[in-house]
C-alpha cells in the first residue's frame, strides 16, 4: 500500500483522494467530488511523469471543468523529448497556465494575503 513521504503528510483539512488505478489522479477516484465539495476549482499539477501521469491527470481535470496550472520545473520525465512534448506540445491543449515554481509560490502568497 502506498504511503506519503514523511515530509508530505496531509495536513488537517486537505483533500486526499483514494488511490487511483492508472495514470490519472481522477479516474476511478473521488478526487473530483472532493474538490467540488470543498469549492476548489483550480488544480496545480506537479510530479512524475510529465508525459504520462501529469498529462493524464491535467487533461482529465480540464475536461471536468477545472482550471489547470502545469508547473514546468516541478515535473520530470525520463527523456528531454518527453518533457518537451509534455510542456510545449501537449500542455497548451489542456493547461490554462504553464508556469514555474516561483510563479506558483508568488501566486499562493498573494492569495493568502487578507
N, C-alpha and C. Protein backbone atom coordinates (compact mmCIF):
# COMPACT_ATOMS: atom_id res chain seq x y z
N UNK A 1 0.85 -1.18 0.00
CA UNK A 1 0.00 0.00 0.00
C UNK A 1 0.89 1.24 0.00
N UNK A 2 0.67 2.17 -0.91
CA UNK A 2 1.49 3.39 -0.96
C UNK A 2 1.32 4.23 0.30
N UNK A 3 2.38 4.94 0.64
CA UNK A 3 2.35 5.83 1.80
C UNK A 3 2.90 7.19 1.41
N UNK A 4 2.50 8.21 2.16
CA UNK A 4 3.05 9.54 1.95
C UNK A 4 4.45 9.61 2.52
N UNK A 5 5.33 10.31 1.82
CA UNK A 5 6.67 10.59 2.34
C UNK A 5 6.48 11.41 3.62
N UNK A 6 7.32 11.20 4.63
CA UNK A 6 7.17 11.94 5.89
C UNK A 6 7.11 13.46 5.73
N UNK A 7 7.80 14.01 4.73
CA UNK A 7 7.80 15.46 4.52
C UNK A 7 6.52 15.96 3.85
N UNK A 8 5.69 15.04 3.36
CA UNK A 8 4.49 15.42 2.62
C UNK A 8 3.21 14.82 3.21
N UNK A 9 3.18 14.67 4.50
CA UNK A 9 1.98 14.15 5.15
C UNK A 9 0.82 15.13 4.96
N UNK A 10 -0.37 14.61 4.67
CA UNK A 10 -1.53 15.50 4.53
C UNK A 10 -1.77 16.30 5.81
N UNK A 11 -2.11 17.54 5.64
CA UNK A 11 -2.41 18.41 6.76
C UNK A 11 -3.92 18.41 7.01
N UNK A 12 -4.30 18.80 8.18
CA UNK A 12 -5.71 18.85 8.54
C UNK A 12 -6.48 19.70 7.54
N UNK A 13 -7.59 19.17 7.05
CA UNK A 13 -8.43 19.90 6.11
C UNK A 13 -8.05 19.74 4.66
N UNK A 14 -6.91 19.12 4.36
CA UNK A 14 -6.51 18.92 2.97
C UNK A 14 -7.29 17.77 2.34
N UNK A 15 -7.55 17.89 1.05
CA UNK A 15 -8.26 16.85 0.31
C UNK A 15 -7.28 15.74 -0.04
N UNK A 16 -7.64 14.51 0.28
CA UNK A 16 -6.83 13.35 -0.07
C UNK A 16 -7.73 12.38 -0.83
N UNK A 17 -7.39 12.11 -2.09
CA UNK A 17 -8.17 11.18 -2.89
C UNK A 17 -7.69 9.76 -2.62
N UNK A 18 -8.60 8.82 -2.82
CA UNK A 18 -8.23 7.42 -2.68
C UNK A 18 -7.32 7.02 -3.83
N UNK A 19 -6.53 6.00 -3.62
CA UNK A 19 -5.57 5.54 -4.61
C UNK A 19 -6.23 5.31 -5.98
N UNK A 20 -5.51 5.71 -7.02
CA UNK A 20 -6.03 5.51 -8.38
C UNK A 20 -5.39 4.29 -9.01
N UNK A 21 -5.95 3.85 -10.12
CA UNK A 21 -5.51 2.61 -10.75
C UNK A 21 -4.45 2.80 -11.81
N UNK A 22 -4.46 3.89 -12.50
CA UNK A 22 -3.57 4.02 -13.65
C UNK A 22 -2.90 5.38 -13.65
N UNK A 23 -2.97 6.11 -14.77
CA UNK A 23 -2.21 7.34 -14.93
C UNK A 23 -2.90 8.58 -14.39
N UNK A 24 -4.21 8.64 -14.42
CA UNK A 24 -4.91 9.85 -14.00
C UNK A 24 -5.25 9.81 -12.51
N UNK A 25 -5.03 10.92 -11.85
CA UNK A 25 -5.43 11.05 -10.45
C UNK A 25 -6.94 11.17 -10.29
N UNK A 26 -7.66 11.34 -11.39
CA UNK A 26 -9.12 11.49 -11.34
C UNK A 26 -9.86 10.19 -11.64
N UNK A 27 -9.38 9.41 -12.58
CA UNK A 27 -10.08 8.19 -12.99
C UNK A 27 -10.18 7.21 -11.82
N UNK A 28 -11.39 6.74 -11.57
CA UNK A 28 -11.64 5.75 -10.53
C UNK A 28 -11.31 6.23 -9.12
N UNK A 29 -11.39 7.55 -8.90
CA UNK A 29 -11.19 8.11 -7.56
C UNK A 29 -12.34 9.06 -7.24
N UNK A 30 -12.33 9.55 -6.04
CA UNK A 30 -13.32 10.54 -5.61
C UNK A 30 -12.75 11.95 -5.64
N UNK A 31 -11.63 12.15 -6.33
CA UNK A 31 -10.95 13.45 -6.31
C UNK A 31 -11.85 14.58 -6.81
N UNK A 32 -12.51 14.40 -7.95
CA UNK A 32 -13.36 15.46 -8.48
C UNK A 32 -14.47 15.80 -7.48
N UNK A 33 -15.11 14.80 -6.92
CA UNK A 33 -16.19 15.04 -5.94
C UNK A 33 -15.66 15.79 -4.72
N UNK A 34 -14.49 15.40 -4.24
CA UNK A 34 -13.92 16.08 -3.07
C UNK A 34 -13.56 17.53 -3.39
N UNK A 35 -12.98 17.77 -4.55
CA UNK A 35 -12.63 19.14 -4.92
C UNK A 35 -13.89 20.00 -4.99
N UNK A 36 -14.91 19.49 -5.64
CA UNK A 36 -16.17 20.24 -5.77
C UNK A 36 -16.82 20.47 -4.41
N UNK A 37 -16.79 19.47 -3.56
CA UNK A 37 -17.37 19.60 -2.21
C UNK A 37 -16.70 20.71 -1.42
N UNK A 38 -15.42 20.92 -1.68
CA UNK A 38 -14.66 21.95 -0.97
C UNK A 38 -14.58 23.27 -1.76
N UNK A 39 -15.27 23.35 -2.89
CA UNK A 39 -15.29 24.58 -3.67
C UNK A 39 -13.99 24.86 -4.40
N UNK A 40 -13.20 23.84 -4.63
CA UNK A 40 -11.90 24.01 -5.30
C UNK A 40 -12.11 23.90 -6.81
N UNK A 41 -11.66 24.92 -7.54
CA UNK A 41 -11.83 24.96 -8.99
C UNK A 41 -10.52 24.93 -9.75
N UNK A 42 -9.41 25.17 -9.05
CA UNK A 42 -8.10 25.23 -9.70
C UNK A 42 -7.24 24.04 -9.25
N UNK A 43 -6.58 23.42 -10.21
CA UNK A 43 -5.71 22.28 -9.94
C UNK A 43 -4.31 22.64 -10.40
N UNK A 44 -3.32 22.43 -9.54
CA UNK A 44 -1.92 22.66 -9.87
C UNK A 44 -1.26 21.29 -9.93
N UNK A 45 -0.67 20.95 -11.08
CA UNK A 45 -0.07 19.62 -11.23
C UNK A 45 1.44 19.69 -11.25
N UNK A 46 2.03 18.79 -10.43
CA UNK A 46 3.48 18.63 -10.33
C UNK A 46 3.77 17.14 -10.19
N UNK A 47 4.98 16.74 -10.42
CA UNK A 47 5.36 15.35 -10.15
C UNK A 47 5.89 14.59 -11.34
N UNK A 48 5.68 13.28 -11.28
CA UNK A 48 6.19 12.34 -12.27
C UNK A 48 5.04 11.59 -12.90
N UNK A 49 5.15 11.15 -13.99
CA UNK A 49 5.97 11.56 -15.10
C UNK A 49 5.20 12.60 -15.90
N UNK A 50 5.90 13.60 -16.35
CA UNK A 50 5.26 14.72 -17.04
C UNK A 50 4.41 14.28 -18.22
N UNK A 51 4.92 13.33 -18.99
CA UNK A 51 4.25 12.92 -20.22
C UNK A 51 3.25 11.78 -20.02
N UNK A 52 3.05 11.33 -18.80
CA UNK A 52 2.05 10.28 -18.57
C UNK A 52 1.08 10.72 -17.47
N UNK A 53 1.45 10.51 -16.22
CA UNK A 53 0.54 10.79 -15.10
C UNK A 53 0.16 12.27 -15.00
N UNK A 54 1.11 13.16 -15.16
CA UNK A 54 0.81 14.59 -15.06
C UNK A 54 -0.09 15.01 -16.21
N UNK A 55 0.24 14.57 -17.43
CA UNK A 55 -0.62 14.90 -18.57
C UNK A 55 -2.02 14.33 -18.41
N UNK A 56 -2.11 13.08 -18.02
CA UNK A 56 -3.41 12.42 -17.90
C UNK A 56 -4.26 13.09 -16.83
N UNK A 57 -3.68 13.34 -15.67
CA UNK A 57 -4.41 13.99 -14.58
C UNK A 57 -4.83 15.39 -14.98
N UNK A 58 -3.93 16.13 -15.61
CA UNK A 58 -4.23 17.51 -16.02
C UNK A 58 -5.32 17.55 -17.07
N UNK A 59 -5.23 16.67 -18.04
CA UNK A 59 -6.22 16.63 -19.12
C UNK A 59 -7.59 16.27 -18.56
N UNK A 60 -7.64 15.30 -17.67
CA UNK A 60 -8.90 14.87 -17.05
C UNK A 60 -9.48 16.03 -16.24
N UNK A 61 -8.63 16.74 -15.50
CA UNK A 61 -9.09 17.88 -14.70
C UNK A 61 -9.72 18.95 -15.60
N UNK A 62 -9.04 19.25 -16.72
CA UNK A 62 -9.56 20.25 -17.65
C UNK A 62 -10.90 19.81 -18.22
N UNK A 63 -11.01 18.54 -18.58
CA UNK A 63 -12.25 18.03 -19.16
C UNK A 63 -13.40 18.07 -18.15
N UNK A 64 -13.08 18.01 -16.86
CA UNK A 64 -14.09 18.12 -15.81
C UNK A 64 -14.42 19.56 -15.47
N UNK A 65 -13.73 20.51 -16.12
CA UNK A 65 -14.04 21.92 -15.92
C UNK A 65 -13.16 22.65 -14.93
N UNK A 66 -12.08 22.03 -14.49
CA UNK A 66 -11.16 22.69 -13.56
C UNK A 66 -10.17 23.56 -14.32
N UNK A 67 -9.71 24.62 -13.68
CA UNK A 67 -8.62 25.44 -14.21
C UNK A 67 -7.33 24.69 -13.89
N UNK A 68 -6.49 24.44 -14.88
CA UNK A 68 -5.29 23.63 -14.69
C UNK A 68 -4.04 24.48 -14.84
N UNK A 69 -3.16 24.39 -13.84
CA UNK A 69 -1.84 25.02 -13.90
C UNK A 69 -0.80 23.90 -13.88
N UNK A 70 0.03 23.87 -14.90
CA UNK A 70 1.13 22.90 -15.01
C UNK A 70 2.41 23.62 -14.60
N UNK A 71 3.14 23.04 -13.65
CA UNK A 71 4.36 23.67 -13.15
C UNK A 71 5.57 23.03 -13.84
N UNK A 72 6.13 23.81 -14.75
CA UNK A 72 7.19 23.36 -15.65
C UNK A 72 8.40 22.77 -14.92
N UNK A 73 8.89 23.44 -13.90
CA UNK A 73 10.11 22.98 -13.23
C UNK A 73 9.84 22.12 -12.00
N UNK A 74 8.62 21.64 -11.87
CA UNK A 74 8.28 20.73 -10.77
C UNK A 74 7.69 19.44 -11.33
N UNK A 75 8.04 19.14 -12.58
CA UNK A 75 7.67 17.87 -13.20
C UNK A 75 8.93 17.27 -13.79
N UNK A 76 8.88 15.98 -14.04
CA UNK A 76 10.05 15.30 -14.60
C UNK A 76 9.60 14.22 -15.57
N UNK A 77 10.51 13.84 -16.44
CA UNK A 77 10.27 12.75 -17.39
C UNK A 77 11.59 12.01 -17.59
N UNK A 78 11.51 10.89 -18.26
CA UNK A 78 12.69 10.05 -18.46
C UNK A 78 13.66 10.68 -19.46
N UNK A 79 13.12 11.35 -20.48
CA UNK A 79 13.95 11.93 -21.53
C UNK A 79 13.55 13.38 -21.78
N UNK A 80 14.50 14.21 -22.19
CA UNK A 80 14.18 15.61 -22.50
C UNK A 80 13.07 15.75 -23.54
N UNK A 81 13.03 14.87 -24.52
CA UNK A 81 11.99 14.96 -25.55
C UNK A 81 10.60 14.77 -24.95
N UNK A 82 10.50 13.95 -23.93
CA UNK A 82 9.22 13.73 -23.27
C UNK A 82 8.79 14.98 -22.50
N UNK A 83 9.73 15.63 -21.87
CA UNK A 83 9.44 16.89 -21.17
C UNK A 83 9.01 17.95 -22.17
N UNK A 84 9.71 18.03 -23.28
CA UNK A 84 9.36 18.99 -24.32
C UNK A 84 7.93 18.75 -24.81
N UNK A 85 7.60 17.51 -25.08
CA UNK A 85 6.25 17.19 -25.55
C UNK A 85 5.21 17.56 -24.49
N UNK A 86 5.49 17.23 -23.24
CA UNK A 86 4.52 17.49 -22.16
C UNK A 86 4.28 18.99 -21.96
N UNK A 87 5.33 19.79 -22.04
CA UNK A 87 5.20 21.22 -21.74
C UNK A 87 4.94 22.09 -22.97
N UNK A 88 5.56 21.77 -24.06
CA UNK A 88 5.48 22.64 -25.23
C UNK A 88 4.44 22.21 -26.27
N UNK A 89 4.24 20.93 -26.43
CA UNK A 89 3.32 20.45 -27.46
C UNK A 89 1.95 20.10 -26.89
N UNK A 90 1.90 19.28 -25.86
CA UNK A 90 0.63 18.82 -25.31
C UNK A 90 0.07 19.74 -24.24
N UNK A 91 0.94 20.27 -23.40
CA UNK A 91 0.49 21.12 -22.29
C UNK A 91 -0.46 22.23 -22.68
N UNK A 92 -0.17 22.98 -23.74
CA UNK A 92 -1.08 24.07 -24.12
C UNK A 92 -2.49 23.61 -24.51
N UNK A 93 -2.67 22.33 -24.79
CA UNK A 93 -4.00 21.85 -25.16
C UNK A 93 -4.89 21.61 -23.94
N UNK A 94 -4.31 21.50 -22.74
CA UNK A 94 -5.12 21.24 -21.55
C UNK A 94 -4.84 22.18 -20.39
N UNK A 95 -3.66 22.77 -20.33
CA UNK A 95 -3.31 23.64 -19.21
C UNK A 95 -3.69 25.08 -19.51
N UNK A 96 -4.35 25.71 -18.55
CA UNK A 96 -4.70 27.13 -18.70
C UNK A 96 -3.47 28.00 -18.47
N UNK A 97 -2.51 27.46 -17.71
CA UNK A 97 -1.26 28.17 -17.45
C UNK A 97 -0.14 27.16 -17.30
N UNK A 98 1.03 27.48 -17.85
CA UNK A 98 2.23 26.67 -17.68
C UNK A 98 3.26 27.61 -17.09
N UNK A 99 3.61 27.38 -15.83
CA UNK A 99 4.39 28.35 -15.06
C UNK A 99 5.56 27.66 -14.35
N UNK A 100 6.34 28.47 -13.64
CA UNK A 100 7.44 27.94 -12.83
C UNK A 100 7.01 27.84 -11.36
N UNK A 101 7.81 27.15 -10.60
CA UNK A 101 7.56 27.04 -9.16
C UNK A 101 7.53 28.42 -8.52
N UNK A 102 8.44 29.29 -8.91
CA UNK A 102 8.47 30.65 -8.35
C UNK A 102 7.16 31.37 -8.62
N UNK A 103 6.60 31.19 -9.82
CA UNK A 103 5.31 31.81 -10.14
C UNK A 103 4.20 31.30 -9.22
N UNK A 104 4.19 30.00 -8.97
CA UNK A 104 3.16 29.40 -8.11
C UNK A 104 3.31 29.90 -6.67
N UNK A 105 4.53 29.93 -6.18
CA UNK A 105 4.76 30.41 -4.81
C UNK A 105 4.31 31.85 -4.67
N UNK A 106 4.62 32.68 -5.64
CA UNK A 106 4.20 34.08 -5.61
C UNK A 106 2.67 34.19 -5.62
N UNK A 107 2.03 33.40 -6.47
CA UNK A 107 0.56 33.44 -6.55
C UNK A 107 -0.08 32.95 -5.25
N UNK A 108 0.46 31.90 -4.66
CA UNK A 108 -0.09 31.40 -3.39
C UNK A 108 0.07 32.42 -2.28
N UNK A 109 1.23 33.07 -2.23
CA UNK A 109 1.45 34.09 -1.21
C UNK A 109 0.48 35.26 -1.39
N UNK A 110 0.28 35.67 -2.64
CA UNK A 110 -0.64 36.78 -2.91
C UNK A 110 -2.08 36.40 -2.53
N UNK A 111 -2.46 35.15 -2.80
CA UNK A 111 -3.82 34.69 -2.49
C UNK A 111 -4.04 34.56 -0.98
N UNK A 112 -2.97 34.34 -0.24
CA UNK A 112 -3.09 34.16 1.21
C UNK A 112 -3.18 35.49 1.97
N UNK A 113 -2.85 36.58 1.29
CA UNK A 113 -2.91 37.89 1.95
C UNK A 113 -4.36 38.28 2.19
N UNK A 114 -4.63 38.88 3.35
CA UNK A 114 -6.01 39.30 3.63
C UNK A 114 -6.45 40.48 2.79
